[in-house]
Amino acid sequence: MIFGVCGALGEYFKIDPTILRIAFAVALLAYGSGLLVYLILALLIPSNNYVN
């Protein structure tokens, strides 16, 4: 919910962002790679908060 990664992915794939949040949490706890993937996606996914 910090960078909006799960919300953006959920909107793109038309699934509930809560499922993606749980998947990232499981990946973080099980493999440790969830945080790295989340941060990479936070940098790659464009933001919808444009300042005019």
PDB file of N, CA and C in Angstrom:
ATOM      1  N   MET A   1       0.816  -1.184   0.000  1.00  0.00           N
ATOM      2  CA  MET A   1       0.000   0.000   0.000  1.00  0.00           C
ATOM      3  C   MET A   1       0.866   1.256   0.000  1.00  0.00           C
ATOM      4  N   ILE A   2       2.134   1.081   0.194  1.00  0.00           N
ATOM      5  CA  ILE A   2       3.028   2.234   0.260  1.00  0.00           C
ATOM      6  C   ILE A   2       3.243   2.847  -1.113  1.00  0.00           C
ATOM      7  N   PHE A   3       3.598   2.040  -2.085  1.00  0.00           N
ATOM      8  CA  PHE A   3       3.869   2.544  -3.428  1.00  0.00           C
ATOM      9  C   PHE A   3       2.732   2.288  -4.401  1.00  0.00           C
ATOM     10  N   GLY A   4       1.734   1.531  -4.014  1.00  0.00           N
ATOM     11  CA  GLY A   4       0.608   1.241  -4.887  1.00  0.00           C
ATOM     12  C   GLY A   4       0.881   0.151  -5.900  1.00  0.00           C
ATOM     13  N   VAL A   5       1.889  -0.661  -5.651  1.00  0.00           N
ATOM     14  CA  VAL A   5       2.262  -1.710  -6.597  1.00  0.00           C
ATOM     15  C   VAL A   5       1.151  -2.740  -6.735  1.00  0.00           C
ATOM     16  N   CYS A   6       0.653  -3.239  -5.623  1.00  0.00           N
ATOM     17  CA  CYS A   6      -0.378  -4.279  -5.675  1.00  0.00           C
ATOM     18  C   CYS A   6      -1.682  -3.738  -6.260  1.00  0.00           C
ATOM     19  N   GLY A   7      -2.009  -2.497  -5.963  1.00  0.00           N
ATOM     20  CA  GLY A   7      -3.207  -1.893  -6.535  1.00  0.00           C
ATOM     21  C   GLY A   7      -3.105  -1.749  -8.044  1.00  0.00           C
ATOM     22  N   ALA A   8      -1.933  -1.337  -8.506  1.00  0.00           N
ATOM     23  CA  ALA A   8      -1.728  -1.176  -9.944  1.00  0.00           C
ATOM     24  C   ALA A   8      -1.739  -2.527 -10.655  1.00  0.00           C
ATOM     25  N   LEU A   9      -1.073  -3.518 -10.066  1.00  0.00           N
ATOM     26  CA  LEU A   9      -1.071  -4.848 -10.672  1.00  0.00           C
ATOM     27  C   LEU A   9      -2.460  -5.476 -10.644  1.00  0.00           C
ATOM     28  N   GLY A  10      -3.184  -5.249  -9.556  1.00  0.00           N
ATOM     29  CA  GLY A  10      -4.541  -5.769  -9.459  1.00  0.00           C
ATOM     30  C   GLY A  10      -5.458  -5.156 -10.498  1.00  0.00           C
ATOM     31  N   GLU A  11      -5.296  -3.862 -10.720  1.00  0.00           N
ATOM     32  CA  GLU A  11      -6.103  -3.188 -11.737  1.00  0.00           C
ATOM     33  C   GLU A  11      -5.744  -3.685 -13.131  1.00  0.00           C
ATOM     34  N   TYR A  12      -4.464  -3.885 -13.381  1.00  0.00           N
ATOM     35  CA  TYR A  12      -4.011  -4.340 -14.699  1.00  0.00           C
ATOM     36  C   TYR A  12      -4.496  -5.753 -15.003  1.00  0.00           C
ATOM     37  N   PHE A  13      -4.355  -6.651 -14.023  1.00  0.00           N
ATOM     38  CA  PHE A  13      -4.749  -8.048 -14.226  1.00  0.00           C
ATOM     39  C   PHE A  13      -6.199  -8.326 -13.833  1.00  0.00           C
ATOM     40  N   LYS A  14      -6.903  -7.302 -13.344  1.00  0.00           N
ATOM     41  CA  LYS A  14      -8.309  -7.388 -12.964  1.00  0.00           C
ATOM     42  C   LYS A  14      -8.547  -8.445 -11.877  1.00  0.00           C
ATOM     43  N   ILE A  15      -7.701  -8.383 -10.826  1.00  0.00           N
ATOM     44  CA  ILE A  15      -7.865  -9.234  -9.658  1.00  0.00           C
ATOM     45  C   ILE A  15      -7.782  -8.364  -8.409  1.00  0.00           C
ATOM     46  N   ASP A  16      -8.190  -8.916  -7.301  1.00  0.00           N
ATOM     47  CA  ASP A  16      -8.200  -8.189  -6.042  1.00  0.00           C
ATOM     48  C   ASP A  16      -6.769  -7.935  -5.561  1.00  0.00           C
ATOM     49  N   PRO A  17      -6.413  -6.687  -5.252  1.00  0.00           N
ATOM     50  CA  PRO A  17      -5.061  -6.385  -4.781  1.00  0.00           C
ATOM     51  C   PRO A  17      -4.697  -7.090  -3.474  1.00  0.00           C
ATOM     52  N   THR A  18      -5.696  -7.482  -2.690  1.00  0.00           N
ATOM     53  CA  THR A  18      -5.415  -8.180  -1.436  1.00  0.00           C
ATOM     54  C   THR A  18      -4.739  -9.522  -1.704  1.00  0.00           C
ATOM     55  N   ILE A  19      -5.119 -10.182  -2.777  1.00  0.00           N
ATOM     56  CA  ILE A  19      -4.496 -11.451  -3.145  1.00  0.00           C
ATOM     57  C   ILE A  19      -3.024 -11.225  -3.454  1.00  0.00           C
ATOM     58  N   LEU A  20      -2.721 -10.150  -4.157  1.00  0.00           N
ATOM     59  CA  LEU A  20      -1.332  -9.846  -4.476  1.00  0.00           C
ATOM     60  C   LEU A  20      -0.545  -9.462  -3.228  1.00  0.00           C
ATOM     61  N   ARG A  21      -1.168  -8.738  -2.312  1.00  0.00           N
ATOM     62  CA  ARG A  21      -0.489  -8.377  -1.064  1.00  0.00           C
ATOM     63  C   ARG A  21      -0.135  -9.619  -0.261  1.00  0.00           C
ATOM     64  N   ILE A  22      -1.045 -10.575  -0.224  1.00  0.00           N
ATOM     65  CA  ILE A  22      -0.776 -11.834   0.480  1.00  0.00           C
ATOM     66  C   ILE A  22       0.352 -12.583  -0.224  1.00  0.00           C
ATOM     67  N   ALA A  23       0.349 -12.595  -1.546  1.00  0.00           N
ATOM     68  CA  ALA A  23       1.398 -13.285  -2.298  1.00  0.00           C
ATOM     69  C   ALA A  23       2.763 -12.651  -2.031  1.00  0.00           C
ATOM     70  N   PHE A  24       2.832 -11.323  -1.986  1.00  0.00           N
ATOM     71  CA  PHE A  24       4.102 -10.654  -1.684  1.00  0.00           C
ATOM     72  C   PHE A  24       4.541 -10.949  -0.252  1.00  0.00           C
ATOM     73  N   ALA A  25       3.601 -11.009   0.682  1.00  0.00           N
ATOM     74  CA  ALA A  25       3.942 -11.322   2.071  1.00  0.00           C
ATOM     75  C   ALA A  25       4.473 -12.743   2.196  1.00  0.00           C
ATOM     76  N   VAL A  26       3.853 -13.682   1.498  1.00  0.00           N
ATOM     77  CA  VAL A  26       4.322 -15.069   1.525  1.00  0.00           C
ATOM     78  C   VAL A  26       5.704 -15.168   0.892  1.00  0.00           C
ATOM     79  N   ALA A  27       5.910 -14.477  -0.218  1.00  0.00           N
ATOM     80  CA  ALA A  27       7.221 -14.491  -0.873  1.00  0.00           C
ATOM     81  C   ALA A  27       8.286 -13.870   0.022  1.00  0.00           C
ATOM     82  N   LEU A  28       7.919 -12.856   0.751  1.00  0.00           N
ATOM     83  CA  LEU A  28       8.867 -12.221   1.667  1.00  0.00           C
ATOM     84  C   LEU A  28       9.244 -13.163   2.791  1.00  0.00           C
ATOM     85  N   LEU A  29       8.266 -13.823   3.370  1.00  0.00           N
ATOM     86  CA  LEU A  29       8.529 -14.714   4.496  1.00  0.00           C
ATOM     87  C   LEU A  29       9.168 -16.031   4.068  1.00  0.00           C
ATOM     88  N   ALA A  30       8.769 -16.559   2.937  1.00  0.00           N
ATOM     89  CA  ALA A  30       9.250 -17.869   2.515  1.00  0.00           C
ATOM     90  C   ALA A  30      10.608 -17.796   1.810  1.00  0.00           C
ATOM     91  N   TYR A  31      10.746 -16.850   0.925  1.00  0.00           N
ATOM     92  CA  TYR A  31      11.940 -16.808   0.087  1.00  0.00           C
ATOM     93  C   TYR A  31      12.807 -15.573   0.340  1.00  0.00           C
ATOM     94  N   GLY A  32      12.226 -14.531   0.873  1.00  0.00           N
ATOM     95  CA  GLY A  32      12.964 -13.298   1.094  1.00  0.00           C
ATOM     96  C   GLY A  32      13.048 -12.421  -0.143  1.00  0.00           C
ATOM     97  N   SER A  33      12.536 -12.903  -1.259  1.00  0.00           N
ATOM     98  CA  SER A  33      12.629 -12.146  -2.500  1.00  0.00           C
ATOM     99  C   SER A  33      11.448 -11.202  -2.705  1.00  0.00           C
ATOM    100  N   GLY A  34      10.427 -11.312  -1.893  1.00  0.00           N
ATOM    101  CA  GLY A  34       9.239 -10.477  -2.065  1.00  0.00           C
ATOM    102  C   GLY A  34       9.537  -9.002  -1.952  1.00  0.00           C
ATOM    103  N   LEU A  35      10.398  -8.629  -1.031  1.00  0.00           N
ATOM    104  CA  LEU A  35      10.748  -7.216  -0.854  1.00  0.00           C
ATOM    105  C   LEU A  35      11.513  -6.691  -2.056  1.00  0.00           C
ATOM    106  N   LEU A  36      12.455  -7.468  -2.551  1.00  0.00           N
ATOM    107  CA  LEU A  36      13.237  -7.046  -3.708  1.00  0.00           C
ATOM    108  C   LEU A  36      12.343  -6.872  -4.938  1.00  0.00           C
ATOM    109  N   VAL A  37      11.470  -7.826  -5.179  1.00  0.00           N
ATOM    110  CA  VAL A  37      10.552  -7.741  -6.330  1.00  0.00           C
ATOM    111  C   VAL A  37       9.622  -6.556  -6.173  1.00  0.00           C
ATOM    112  N   TYR A  38       9.117  -6.325  -4.957  1.00  0.00           N
ATOM    113  CA  TYR A  38       8.212  -5.207  -4.702  1.00  0.00           C
ATOM    114  C   TYR A  38       8.913  -3.879  -4.982  1.00  0.00           C
ATOM    115  N   LEU A  39      10.145  -3.724  -4.525  1.00  0.00           N
ATOM    116  CA  LEU A  39      10.876  -2.471  -4.742  1.00  0.00           C
ATOM    117  C   LEU A  39      11.202  -2.254  -6.217  1.00  0.00           C
ATOM    118  N   ILE A  40      11.538  -3.317  -6.919  1.00  0.00           N
ATOM    119  CA  ILE A  40      11.794  -3.187  -8.362  1.00  0.00           C
ATOM    120  C   ILE A  40      10.524  -2.758  -9.087  1.00  0.00           C
ATOM    121  N   LEU A  41       9.400  -3.375  -8.735  1.00  0.00           N
ATOM    122  CA  LEU A  41       8.133  -3.000  -9.364  1.00  0.00           C
ATOM    123  C   LEU A  41       7.738  -1.572  -8.999  1.00  0.00           C
ATOM    124  N   ALA A  42       8.054  -1.138  -7.787  1.00  0.00           N
ATOM    125  CA  ALA A  42       7.742   0.236  -7.383  1.00  0.00           C
ATOM    126  C   ALA A  42       8.488   1.243  -8.254  1.00  0.00           C
ATOM    127  N   LEU A  43       9.675   0.878  -8.692  1.00  0.00           N
ATOM    128  CA  LEU A  43      10.440   1.761  -9.573  1.00  0.00           C
ATOM    129  C   LEU A  43       9.970   1.694 -11.019  1.00  0.00           C
ATOM    130  N   LEU A  44       9.474   0.544 -11.446  1.00  0.00           N
ATOM    131  CA  LEU A  44       9.107   0.345 -12.844  1.00  0.00           C
ATOM    132  C   LEU A  44       7.679   0.761 -13.185  1.00  0.00           C
ATOM    133  N   ILE A  45       6.761   0.607 -12.251  1.00  0.00           N
ATOM    134  CA  ILE A  45       5.363   0.925 -12.524  1.00  0.00           C
ATOM    135  C   ILE A  45       5.179   2.440 -12.463  1.00  0.00           C
ATOM    136  N   PRO A  46       4.640   3.031 -13.523  1.00  0.00           N
ATOM    137  CA  PRO A  46       4.451   4.482 -13.511  1.00  0.00           C
ATOM    138  C   PRO A  46       3.391   4.918 -12.506  1.00  0.00           C
ATOM    139  N   SER A  47       3.598   6.066 -11.930  1.00  0.00           N
ATOM    140  CA  SER A  47       2.686   6.601 -10.945  1.00  0.00           C
ATOM    141  C   SER A  47       1.543   7.346 -11.619  1.00  0.00           C
ATOM    142  N   ASN A  48       0.363   7.284 -11.014  1.00  0.00           N
ATOM    143  CA  ASN A  48      -0.792   8.040 -11.517  1.00  0.00           C
ATOM    144  C   ASN A  48      -0.919   9.395 -10.834  1.00  0.00           C
ATOM    145  N   ASN A  49       0.002   9.718  -9.944  1.00  0.00           N
ATOM    146  CA  ASN A  49      -0.038  10.980  -9.200  1.00  0.00           C
ATOM    147  C   ASN A  49       0.831  12.027  -9.878  1.00  0.00           C
ATOM    148  N   TYR A  50       0.322  12.593 -10.936  1.00  0.00           N
ATOM    149  CA  TYR A  50       1.065  13.609 -11.657  1.00  0.00           C
ATOM    150  C   TYR A  50       0.754  14.978 -11.089  1.00  0.00           C
ATOM    151  N   VAL A  51       1.773  15.774 -10.935  1.00  0.00           N
ATOM    152  CA  VAL A  51       1.618  17.137 -10.430  1.00  0.00           C
ATOM    153  C   VAL A  51       1.654  18.082 -11.616  1.00  0.00           C
ATOM    154  N   ASN A  52       0.621  18.916 -11.731  1.00  0.00           N
ATOM    155  CA  ASN A  52       0.545  19.852 -12.852  1.00  0.00           C
ATOM    156  C   ASN A  52       1.147  21.174 -12.470  1.00  0.00           C
TER     157      ASN A  52
END
